[in-house]
Amino acid sequence: MTWKGFWEGIASLFENVLFIPYNALRSLELDSWWLANFFSWLLLLVGAFAFIYWMRKLKEFDENTESTYTFDENP
């Protein structure tokens, strides 16, 4: 396999598989801007919730004062 074939395979995956919902929405010719951008808003909300969850877990880890070392701390 060549690098050109690799990149063409990725392009084919996106164009023929992953953009199917967007192609279906484009064929409907929706008049509502909100409905036309539903997938984008959904992705934005999922990303925002994941970011908030990640930040809370990082804060919880940072505030944890329990020692988790497996080696002898005072040799």
PDB file of N, CA and C in Angstrom:
ATOM      1  N   MET A   1       0.848  -1.179   0.000  1.00  0.00           N
ATOM      2  CA  MET A   1       0.000   0.000   0.000  1.00  0.00           C
ATOM      3  C   MET A   1       0.891   1.239   0.000  1.00  0.00           C
ATOM      4  N   THR A   2       0.502   2.212  -0.798  1.00  0.00           N
ATOM      5  CA  THR A   2       1.255   3.460  -0.869  1.00  0.00           C
ATOM      6  C   THR A   2       0.594   4.505   0.027  1.00  0.00           C
ATOM      7  N   TRP A   3       1.322   5.597   0.252  1.00  0.00           N
ATOM      8  CA  TRP A   3       0.752   6.685   1.060  1.00  0.00           C
ATOM      9  C   TRP A   3      -0.446   7.307   0.358  1.00  0.00           C
ATOM     10  N   LYS A   4      -0.378   7.370  -0.964  1.00  0.00           N
ATOM     11  CA  LYS A   4      -1.502   7.925  -1.713  1.00  0.00           C
ATOM     12  C   LYS A   4      -2.751   7.077  -1.506  1.00  0.00           C
ATOM     13  N   GLY A   5      -2.598   5.772  -1.547  1.00  0.00           N
ATOM     14  CA  GLY A   5      -3.726   4.879  -1.314  1.00  0.00           C
ATOM     15  C   GLY A   5      -4.281   5.008   0.097  1.00  0.00           C
ATOM     16  N   PHE A   6      -3.394   5.210   1.075  1.00  0.00           N
ATOM     17  CA  PHE A   6      -3.815   5.388   2.456  1.00  0.00           C
ATOM     18  C   PHE A   6      -4.694   6.621   2.597  1.00  0.00           C
ATOM     19  N   TRP A   7      -4.249   7.748   2.052  1.00  0.00           N
ATOM     20  CA  TRP A   7      -5.017   8.995   2.169  1.00  0.00           C
ATOM     21  C   TRP A   7      -6.301   8.939   1.347  1.00  0.00           C
ATOM     22  N   GLU A   8      -6.274   8.266   0.206  1.00  0.00           N
ATOM     23  CA  GLU A   8      -7.493   8.108  -0.586  1.00  0.00           C
ATOM     24  C   GLU A   8      -8.503   7.215   0.143  1.00  0.00           C
ATOM     25  N   GLY A   9      -8.020   6.235   0.900  1.00  0.00           N
ATOM     26  CA  GLY A   9      -8.911   5.392   1.697  1.00  0.00           C
ATOM     27  C   GLY A   9      -9.597   6.192   2.799  1.00  0.00           C
ATOM     28  N   ILE A  10      -8.847   7.072   3.455  1.00  0.00           N
ATOM     29  CA  ILE A  10      -9.441   7.931   4.479  1.00  0.00           C
ATOM     30  C   ILE A  10     -10.467   8.869   3.851  1.00  0.00           C
ATOM     31  N   ALA A  11     -10.139   9.443   2.705  1.00  0.00           N
ATOM     32  CA  ALA A  11     -11.081  10.331   2.013  1.00  0.00           C
ATOM     33  C   ALA A  11     -12.344   9.568   1.624  1.00  0.00           C
ATOM     34  N   SER A  12     -12.187   8.346   1.154  1.00  0.00           N
ATOM     35  CA  SER A  12     -13.345   7.530   0.777  1.00  0.00           C
ATOM     36  C   SER A  12     -14.215   7.216   1.990  1.00  0.00           C
ATOM     37  N   LEU A  13     -13.590   6.914   3.135  1.00  0.00           N
ATOM     38  CA  LEU A  13     -14.339   6.641   4.356  1.00  0.00           C
ATOM     39  C   LEU A  13     -15.207   7.836   4.736  1.00  0.00           C
ATOM     40  N   PHE A  14     -14.627   9.026   4.726  1.00  0.00           N
ATOM     41  CA  PHE A  14     -15.388  10.207   5.102  1.00  0.00           C
ATOM     42  C   PHE A  14     -16.480  10.525   4.087  1.00  0.00           C
ATOM     43  N   GLU A  15     -16.157  10.486   2.804  1.00  0.00           N
ATOM     44  CA  GLU A  15     -17.115  10.878   1.774  1.00  0.00           C
ATOM     45  C   GLU A  15     -18.253   9.874   1.613  1.00  0.00           C
ATOM     46  N   ASN A  16     -17.956   8.580   1.738  1.00  0.00           N
ATOM     47  CA  ASN A  16     -18.962   7.564   1.441  1.00  0.00           C
ATOM     48  C   ASN A  16     -19.665   6.994   2.667  1.00  0.00           C
ATOM     49  N   VAL A  17     -19.098   7.174   3.871  1.00  0.00           N
ATOM     50  CA  VAL A  17     -19.691   6.555   5.054  1.00  0.00           C
ATOM     51  C   VAL A  17     -20.059   7.591   6.113  1.00  0.00           C
ATOM     52  N   LEU A  18     -19.099   8.364   6.556  1.00  0.00           N
ATOM     53  CA  LEU A  18     -19.317   9.232   7.709  1.00  0.00           C
ATOM     54  C   LEU A  18     -20.163  10.466   7.404  1.00  0.00           C
ATOM     55  N   PHE A  19     -20.264  10.863   6.159  1.00  0.00           N
ATOM     56  CA  PHE A  19     -21.062  12.034   5.811  1.00  0.00           C
ATOM     57  C   PHE A  19     -22.474  11.675   5.361  1.00  0.00           C
ATOM     58  N   ILE A  20     -22.894  10.437   5.541  1.00  0.00           N
ATOM     59  CA  ILE A  20     -24.237  10.026   5.123  1.00  0.00           C
ATOM     60  C   ILE A  20     -25.327  10.851   5.803  1.00  0.00           C
ATOM     61  N   PRO A  21     -25.261  11.102   7.125  1.00  0.00           N
ATOM     62  CA  PRO A  21     -26.315  11.934   7.734  1.00  0.00           C
ATOM     63  C   PRO A  21     -26.361  13.355   7.164  1.00  0.00           C
ATOM     64  N   TYR A  22     -25.206  13.925   6.889  1.00  0.00           N
ATOM     65  CA  TYR A  22     -25.177  15.273   6.328  1.00  0.00           C
ATOM     66  C   TYR A  22     -25.726  15.298   4.898  1.00  0.00           C
ATOM     67  N   ASN A  23     -25.421  14.283   4.127  1.00  0.00           N
ATOM     68  CA  ASN A  23     -25.974  14.212   2.770  1.00  0.00           C
ATOM     69  C   ASN A  23     -27.490  14.054   2.797  1.00  0.00           C
ATOM     70  N   ALA A  24     -28.003  13.292   3.769  1.00  0.00           N
ATOM     71  CA  ALA A  24     -29.453  13.132   3.889  1.00  0.00           C
ATOM     72  C   ALA A  24     -30.109  14.459   4.259  1.00  0.00           C
ATOM     73  N   LEU A  25     -29.492  15.198   5.173  1.00  0.00           N
ATOM     74  CA  LEU A  25     -30.044  16.504   5.545  1.00  0.00           C
ATOM     75  C   LEU A  25     -29.983  17.491   4.380  1.00  0.00           C
ATOM     76  N   ARG A  26     -28.918  17.423   3.595  1.00  0.00           N
ATOM     77  CA  ARG A  26     -28.793  18.331   2.462  1.00  0.00           C
ATOM     78  C   ARG A  26     -29.871  18.051   1.420  1.00  0.00           C
ATOM     79  N   SER A  27     -30.239  16.787   1.259  1.00  0.00           N
ATOM     80  CA  SER A  27     -31.249  16.454   0.249  1.00  0.00           C
ATOM     81  C   SER A  27     -32.652  16.877   0.693  1.00  0.00           C
ATOM     82  N   LEU A  28     -32.874  17.094   2.005  1.00  0.00           N
ATOM     83  CA  LEU A  28     -34.185  17.516   2.483  1.00  0.00           C
ATOM     84  C   LEU A  28     -34.451  18.997   2.249  1.00  0.00           C
ATOM     85  N   GLU A  29     -33.412  19.790   2.057  1.00  0.00           N
ATOM     86  CA  GLU A  29     -33.519  21.239   1.869  1.00  0.00           C
ATOM     87  C   GLU A  29     -34.353  21.861   2.991  1.00  0.00           C
ATOM     88  N   LEU A  30     -33.853  21.723   4.201  1.00  0.00           N
ATOM     89  CA  LEU A  30     -34.550  22.225   5.379  1.00  0.00           C
ATOM     90  C   LEU A  30     -34.548  23.742   5.421  1.00  0.00           C
ATOM     91  N   ASP A  31     -35.682  24.308   5.829  1.00  0.00           N
ATOM     92  CA  ASP A  31     -35.797  25.756   5.921  1.00  0.00           C
ATOM     93  C   ASP A  31     -35.306  26.272   7.271  1.00  0.00           C
ATOM     94  N   SER A  32     -35.344  25.436   8.290  1.00  0.00           N
ATOM     95  CA  SER A  32     -34.953  25.849   9.629  1.00  0.00           C
ATOM     96  C   SER A  32     -33.445  25.697   9.806  1.00  0.00           C
ATOM     97  N   TRP A  33     -32.794  26.769  10.225  1.00  0.00           N
ATOM     98  CA  TRP A  33     -31.357  26.731  10.468  1.00  0.00           C
ATOM     99  C   TRP A  33     -31.043  25.802  11.630  1.00  0.00           C
ATOM    100  N   TRP A  34     -31.869  25.808  12.667  1.00  0.00           N
ATOM    101  CA  TRP A  34     -31.633  24.976  13.843  1.00  0.00           C
ATOM    102  C   TRP A  34     -31.730  23.494  13.499  1.00  0.00           C
ATOM    103  N   LEU A  35     -32.715  23.129  12.739  1.00  0.00           N
ATOM    104  CA  LEU A  35     -32.873  21.730  12.367  1.00  0.00           C
ATOM    105  C   LEU A  35     -31.756  21.277  11.427  1.00  0.00           C
ATOM    106  N   ALA A  36     -31.338  22.156  10.548  1.00  0.00           N
ATOM    107  CA  ALA A  36     -30.275  21.812   9.608  1.00  0.00           C
ATOM    108  C   ALA A  36     -28.944  21.596  10.321  1.00  0.00           C
ATOM    109  N   ASN A  37     -28.739  22.244  11.455  1.00  0.00           N
ATOM    110  CA  ASN A  37     -27.482  22.120  12.193  1.00  0.00           C
ATOM    111  C   ASN A  37     -27.619  21.250  13.441  1.00  0.00           C
ATOM    112  N   PHE A  38     -28.598  20.363  13.467  1.00  0.00           N
ATOM    113  CA  PHE A  38     -28.847  19.517  14.626  1.00  0.00           C
ATOM    114  C   PHE A  38     -27.629  18.677  14.999  1.00  0.00           C
ATOM    115  N   PHE A  39     -26.988  18.037  14.023  1.00  0.00           N
ATOM    116  CA  PHE A  39     -25.836  17.179  14.309  1.00  0.00           C
ATOM    117  C   PHE A  39     -24.662  17.985  14.854  1.00  0.00           C
ATOM    118  N   SER A  40     -24.482  19.172  14.344  1.00  0.00           N
ATOM    119  CA  SER A  40     -23.404  20.015  14.844  1.00  0.00           C
ATOM    120  C   SER A  40     -23.659  20.428  16.287  1.00  0.00           C
ATOM    121  N   TRP A  41     -24.907  20.793  16.595  1.00  0.00           N
ATOM    122  CA  TRP A  41     -25.248  21.166  17.970  1.00  0.00           C
ATOM    123  C   TRP A  41     -25.132  19.971  18.907  1.00  0.00           C
ATOM    124  N   LEU A  42     -25.540  18.796  18.444  1.00  0.00           N
ATOM    125  CA  LEU A  42     -25.436  17.594  19.250  1.00  0.00           C
ATOM    126  C   LEU A  42     -23.970  17.288  19.568  1.00  0.00           C
ATOM    127  N   LEU A  43     -23.110  17.378  18.583  1.00  0.00           N
ATOM    128  CA  LEU A  43     -21.687  17.144  18.787  1.00  0.00           C
ATOM    129  C   LEU A  43     -21.099  18.182  19.745  1.00  0.00           C
ATOM    130  N   LEU A  44     -21.518  19.417  19.622  1.00  0.00           N
ATOM    131  CA  LEU A  44     -21.047  20.474  20.508  1.00  0.00           C
ATOM    132  C   LEU A  44     -21.464  20.198  21.951  1.00  0.00           C
ATOM    133  N   LEU A  45     -22.694  19.776  22.175  1.00  0.00           N
ATOM    134  CA  LEU A  45     -23.165  19.478  23.525  1.00  0.00           C
ATOM    135  C   LEU A  45     -22.445  18.272  24.131  1.00  0.00           C
ATOM    136  N   VAL A  46     -22.257  17.231  23.352  1.00  0.00           N
ATOM    137  CA  VAL A  46     -21.540  16.053  23.843  1.00  0.00           C
ATOM    138  C   VAL A  46     -20.105  16.432  24.211  1.00  0.00           C
ATOM    139  N   GLY A  47     -19.460  17.223  23.389  1.00  0.00           N
ATOM    140  CA  GLY A  47     -18.102  17.672  23.687  1.00  0.00           C
ATOM    141  C   GLY A  47     -18.034  18.537  24.931  1.00  0.00           C
ATOM    142  N   ALA A  48     -19.022  19.406  25.129  1.00  0.00           N
ATOM    143  CA  ALA A  48     -19.045  20.268  26.314  1.00  0.00           C
ATOM    144  C   ALA A  48     -19.235  19.435  27.578  1.00  0.00           C
ATOM    145  N   PHE A  49     -20.141  18.468  27.553  1.00  0.00           N
ATOM    146  CA  PHE A  49     -20.346  17.608  28.723  1.00  0.00           C
ATOM    147  C   PHE A  49     -19.101  16.771  29.016  1.00  0.00           C
ATOM    148  N   ALA A  50     -18.464  16.260  27.983  1.00  0.00           N
ATOM    149  CA  ALA A  50     -17.244  15.474  28.189  1.00  0.00           C
ATOM    150  C   ALA A  50     -16.132  16.347  28.774  1.00  0.00           C
ATOM    151  N   PHE A  51     -16.016  17.582  28.324  1.00  0.00           N
ATOM    152  CA  PHE A  51     -15.001  18.494  28.841  1.00  0.00           C
ATOM    153  C   PHE A  51     -15.255  18.811  30.313  1.00  0.00           C
ATOM    154  N   ILE A  52     -16.505  19.068  30.672  1.00  0.00           N
ATOM    155  CA  ILE A  52     -16.843  19.368  32.067  1.00  0.00           C
ATOM    156  C   ILE A  52     -16.559  18.154  32.950  1.00  0.00           C
ATOM    157  N   TYR A  53     -16.923  16.964  32.495  1.00  0.00           N
ATOM    158  CA  TYR A  53     -16.649  15.743  33.256  1.00  0.00           C
ATOM    159  C   TYR A  53     -15.147  15.564  33.456  1.00  0.00           C
ATOM    160  N   TRP A  54     -14.379  15.791  32.405  1.00  0.00           N
ATOM    161  CA  TRP A  54     -12.927  15.628  32.458  1.00  0.00           C
ATOM    162  C   TRP A  54     -12.314  16.625  33.445  1.00  0.00           C
ATOM    163  N   MET A  55     -12.769  17.868  33.406  1.00  0.00           N
ATOM    164  CA  MET A  55     -12.236  18.879  34.326  1.00  0.00           C
ATOM    165  C   MET A  55     -12.570  18.546  35.781  1.00  0.00           C
ATOM    166  N   ARG A  56     -13.753  18.037  36.027  1.00  0.00           N
ATOM    167  CA  ARG A  56     -14.121  17.656  37.398  1.00  0.00           C
ATOM    168  C   ARG A  56     -13.270  16.500  37.891  1.00  0.00           C
ATOM    169  N   LYS A  57     -13.012  15.522  37.035  1.00  0.00           N
ATOM    170  CA  LYS A  57     -12.157  14.405  37.424  1.00  0.00           C
ATOM    171  C   LYS A  57     -10.727  14.866  37.673  1.00  0.00           C
ATOM    172  N   LEU A  58     -10.219  15.781  36.864  1.00  0.00           N
ATOM    173  CA  LEU A  58      -8.878  16.308  37.089  1.00  0.00           C
ATOM    174  C   LEU A  58      -8.795  17.062  38.408  1.00  0.00           C
ATOM    175  N   LYS A  59      -9.831  17.835  38.735  1.00  0.00           N
ATOM    176  CA  LYS A  59      -9.860  18.556  40.003  1.00  0.00           C
ATOM    177  C   LYS A  59      -9.905  17.576  41.167  1.00  0.00           C
ATOM    178  N   GLU A  60     -10.713  16.527  41.034  1.00  0.00           N
ATOM    179  CA  GLU A  60     -10.807  15.513  42.081  1.00  0.00           C
ATOM    180  C   GLU A  60      -9.454  14.822  42.282  1.00  0.00           C
ATOM    181  N   PHE A  61      -8.764  14.516  41.206  1.00  0.00           N
ATOM    182  CA  PHE A  61      -7.454  13.888  41.281  1.00  0.00           C
ATOM    183  C   PHE A  61      -6.437  14.837  41.913  1.00  0.00           C
ATOM    184  N   ASP A  62      -6.506  16.115  41.558  1.00  0.00           N
ATOM    185  CA  ASP A  62      -5.574  17.103  42.089  1.00  0.00           C
ATOM    186  C   ASP A  62      -5.775  17.329  43.583  1.00  0.00           C
ATOM    187  N   GLU A  63      -7.019  17.267  44.043  1.00  0.00           N
ATOM    188  CA  GLU A  63      -7.310  17.493  45.455  1.00  0.00           C
ATOM    189  C   GLU A  63      -7.066  16.253  46.307  1.00  0.00           C
ATOM    190  N   ASN A  64      -6.843  15.110  45.701  1.00  0.00           N
ATOM    191  CA  ASN A  64      -6.599  13.868  46.419  1.00  0.00           C
ATOM    192  C   ASN A  64      -5.202  13.931  47.048  1.00  0.00           C
ATOM    193  N   THR A  65      -5.138  13.848  48.367  1.00  0.00           N
ATOM    194  CA  THR A  65      -3.848  13.908  49.065  1.00  0.00           C
ATOM    195  C   THR A  65      -3.348  12.529  49.446  1.00  0.00           C
ATOM    196  N   GLU A  66      -4.079  11.504  49.120  1.00  0.00           N
ATOM    197  CA  GLU A  66      -3.674  10.141  49.442  1.00  0.00           C
ATOM    198  C   GLU A  66      -2.472   9.748  48.592  1.00  0.00           C
ATOM    199  N   SER A  67      -1.502   9.129  49.207  1.00  0.00           N
ATOM    200  CA  SER A  67      -0.314   8.699  48.495  1.00  0.00           C
ATOM    201  C   SER A  67      -0.626   7.441  47.691  1.00  0.00           C
ATOM    202  N   THR A  68      -0.214   7.430  46.439  1.00  0.00           N
ATOM    203  CA  THR A  68      -0.464   6.272  45.590  1.00  0.00           C
ATOM    204  C   THR A  68       0.832   5.655  45.091  1.00  0.00           C
ATOM    205  N   TYR A  69       1.963   5.984  45.699  1.00  0.00           N
ATOM    206  CA  TYR A  69       3.241   5.444  45.254  1.00  0.00           C
ATOM    207  C   TYR A  69       3.372   3.983  45.671  1.00  0.00           C
ATOM    208  N   THR A  70       4.030   3.204  44.842  1.00  0.00           N
ATOM    209  CA  THR A  70       4.222   1.789  45.147  1.00  0.00           C
ATOM    210  C   THR A  70       5.612   1.516  45.654  1.00  0.00           C
ATOM    211  N   PHE A  71       6.476   2.504  45.658  1.00  0.00           N
ATOM    212  CA  PHE A  71       7.832   2.308  46.143  1.00  0.00           C
ATOM    213  C   PHE A  71       7.984   2.997  47.501  1.00  0.00           C
ATOM    214  N   ASP A  72       9.073   2.675  48.177  1.00  0.00           N
ATOM    215  CA  ASP A  72       9.318   3.235  49.502  1.00  0.00           C
ATOM    216  C   ASP A  72       9.660   4.706  49.364  1.00  0.00           C
ATOM    217  N   GLU A  73       8.839   5.556  49.991  1.00  0.00           N
ATOM    218  CA  GLU A  73       9.028   7.003  49.849  1.00  0.00           C
ATOM    219  C   GLU A  73      10.210   7.516  50.661  1.00  0.00           C
ATOM    220  N   ASN A  74      10.549   6.831  51.735  1.00  0.00           N
ATOM    221  CA  ASN A  74      11.671   7.255  52.598  1.00  0.00           C
ATOM    222  C   ASN A  74      12.724   6.147  52.629  1.00  0.00           C
ATOM    223  N   PRO A  75      13.652   6.160  51.682  1.00  0.00           N
ATOM    224  CA  PRO A  75      14.630   5.056  51.638  1.00  0.00           C
ATOM    225  C   PRO A  75      15.622   5.117  52.803  1.00  0.00           C
TER     226      PRO A  75
END
